[in-house]
């Protein structure tokens, strides 16, 4: 990652990503699904797969996280 990119705010990084996704005509549903997968997988790596800690960090109930993982086919 470039030093300039690392200095950007989260909002600025997301604007760049959104622009790229729109330019490539990725449907919103697919973009949201991919983001959710990456977000959960990143949390899983950080918390070594501990779903209780992941759910707390992500601000959802553990059952909600379990159901989301199942719907995203992450289990």
C-alpha atoms as a PDB file:
ATOM      1  CA  UNK A   1       0.000   0.000   0.000  1.00  0.00           C
ATOM      2  CA  UNK A   2       1.265   3.433  -0.831  1.00  0.00           C
ATOM      3  CA  UNK A   3       2.120   5.910   1.877  1.00  0.00           C
ATOM      4  CA  UNK A   4      -0.390   8.403   0.404  1.00  0.00           C
ATOM      5  CA  UNK A   5      -3.206   5.848   0.596  1.00  0.00           C
ATOM      6  CA  UNK A   6      -2.390   5.019   4.200  1.00  0.00           C
ATOM      7  CA  UNK A   7      -2.692   8.700   5.108  1.00  0.00           C
ATOM      8  CA  UNK A   8      -6.270   8.934   3.791  1.00  0.00           C
ATOM      9  CA  UNK A   9      -9.261   8.864   6.134  1.00  0.00           C
ATOM     10  CA  UNK A  10     -11.577   5.863   6.110  1.00  0.00           C
ATOM     11  CA  UNK A  11     -14.172   8.000   4.340  1.00  0.00           C
ATOM     12  CA  UNK A  12     -11.717   8.959   1.593  1.00  0.00           C
ATOM     13  CA  UNK A  13     -10.639   5.331   1.134  1.00  0.00           C
ATOM     14  CA  UNK A  14     -14.258   4.224   0.872  1.00  0.00           C
ATOM     15  CA  UNK A  15     -14.987   6.956  -1.682  1.00  0.00           C
ATOM     16  CA  UNK A  16     -12.151   5.633  -3.855  1.00  0.00           C
ATOM     17  CA  UNK A  17     -13.458   2.090  -3.528  1.00  0.00           C
ATOM     18  CA  UNK A  18     -17.043   3.148  -4.299  1.00  0.00           C
ATOM     19  CA  UNK A  19     -15.882   5.047  -7.380  1.00  0.00           C
ATOM     20  CA  UNK A  20     -14.020   1.975  -8.638  1.00  0.00           C
ATOM     21  CA  UNK A  21     -17.002  -0.322  -8.004  1.00  0.00           C
ATOM     22  CA  UNK A  22     -19.415   2.022  -9.808  1.00  0.00           C
ATOM     23  CA  UNK A  23     -17.007   2.445 -12.738  1.00  0.00           C
ATOM     24  CA  UNK A  24     -16.884  -1.345 -13.047  1.00  0.00           C
ATOM     25  CA  UNK A  25     -20.699  -1.513 -12.782  1.00  0.00           C
ATOM     26  CA  UNK A  26     -20.700  -3.920  -9.854  1.00  0.00           C
ATOM     27  CA  UNK A  27     -24.280  -4.233  -8.575  1.00  0.00           C
ATOM     28  CA  UNK A  28     -24.827  -2.774  -5.094  1.00  0.00           C
ATOM     29  CA  UNK A  29     -25.960  -6.109  -3.688  1.00  0.00           C
ATOM     30  CA  UNK A  30     -22.729  -7.789  -4.845  1.00  0.00           C
ATOM     31  CA  UNK A  31     -20.564  -4.939  -3.525  1.00  0.00           C
ATOM     32  CA  UNK A  32     -22.239  -5.082  -0.108  1.00  0.00           C
ATOM     33  CA  UNK A  33     -21.914  -8.863   0.037  1.00  0.00           C
ATOM     34  CA  UNK A  34     -18.197  -8.731  -0.775  1.00  0.00           C
ATOM     35  CA  UNK A  35     -17.627  -5.993   1.805  1.00  0.00           C
ATOM     36  CA  UNK A  36     -19.444  -8.004   4.479  1.00  0.00           C
ATOM     37  CA  UNK A  37     -17.364 -11.080   3.672  1.00  0.00           C
ATOM     38  CA  UNK A  38     -14.080  -9.184   3.860  1.00  0.00           C
ATOM     39  CA  UNK A  39     -15.114  -7.357   7.026  1.00  0.00           C
ATOM     40  CA  UNK A  40     -16.056 -10.582   8.806  1.00  0.00           C
ATOM     41  CA  UNK A  41     -12.980 -12.452   7.569  1.00  0.00           C
ATOM     42  CA  UNK A  42     -10.756  -9.615   8.778  1.00  0.00           C
ATOM     43  CA  UNK A  43     -12.432  -9.694  12.198  1.00  0.00           C
ATOM     44  CA  UNK A  44     -12.086 -13.479  12.261  1.00  0.00           C
ATOM     45  CA  UNK A  45      -8.359 -13.179  11.668  1.00  0.00           C
ATOM     46  CA  UNK A  46      -7.980 -10.508  14.350  1.00  0.00           C
ATOM     47  CA  UNK A  47      -9.924 -12.500  16.956  1.00  0.00           C
ATOM     48  CA  UNK A  48      -8.678 -15.953  15.877  1.00  0.00           C
ATOM     49  CA  UNK A  49     -12.177 -17.067  14.883  1.00  0.00           C
ATOM     50  CA  UNK A  50     -13.665 -16.335  18.326  1.00  0.00           C
ATOM     51  CA  UNK A  51     -17.222 -15.441  17.293  1.00  0.00           C
ATOM     52  CA  UNK A  52     -18.169 -14.013  20.680  1.00  0.00           C
ATOM     53  CA  UNK A  53     -15.333 -11.479  20.525  1.00  0.00           C
ATOM     54  CA  UNK A  54     -15.970 -10.839  16.822  1.00  0.00           C
ATOM     55  CA  UNK A  55     -19.656 -10.154  17.429  1.00  0.00           C
ATOM     56  CA  UNK A  56     -18.862  -7.748  20.245  1.00  0.00           C
ATOM     57  CA  UNK A  57     -16.303  -5.882  18.106  1.00  0.00           C
ATOM     58  CA  UNK A  58     -18.714  -5.721  15.144  1.00  0.00           C
ATOM     59  CA  UNK A  59     -21.610  -4.570  17.307  1.00  0.00           C
ATOM     60  CA  UNK A  60     -23.928  -7.486  16.583  1.00  0.00           C
ATOM     61  CA  UNK A  61     -25.316 -10.373  18.608  1.00  0.00           C
ATOM     62  CA  UNK A  62     -23.382 -13.635  18.322  1.00  0.00           C
ATOM     63  CA  UNK A  63     -26.423 -15.365  16.771  1.00  0.00           C
ATOM     64  CA  UNK A  64     -26.692 -12.582  14.192  1.00  0.00           C
ATOM     65  CA  UNK A  65     -23.031 -13.052  13.291  1.00  0.00           C
ATOM     66  CA  UNK A  66     -23.542 -16.819  13.022  1.00  0.00           C
ATOM     67  CA  UNK A  67     -26.532 -16.338  10.693  1.00  0.00           C
ATOM     68  CA  UNK A  68     -24.667 -13.756   8.611  1.00  0.00           C
ATOM     69  CA  UNK A  69     -21.684 -16.103   8.230  1.00  0.00           C
ATOM     70  CA  UNK A  70     -24.056 -18.859   7.147  1.00  0.00           C
ATOM     71  CA  UNK A  71     -25.815 -16.647   4.587  1.00  0.00           C
ATOM     72  CA  UNK A  72     -22.449 -15.481   3.210  1.00  0.00           C
ATOM     73  CA  UNK A  73     -21.272 -19.114   3.119  1.00  0.00           C
ATOM     74  CA  UNK A  74     -18.336 -18.401   5.439  1.00  0.00           C
ATOM     75  CA  UNK A  75     -18.826 -21.397   7.751  1.00  0.00           C
END
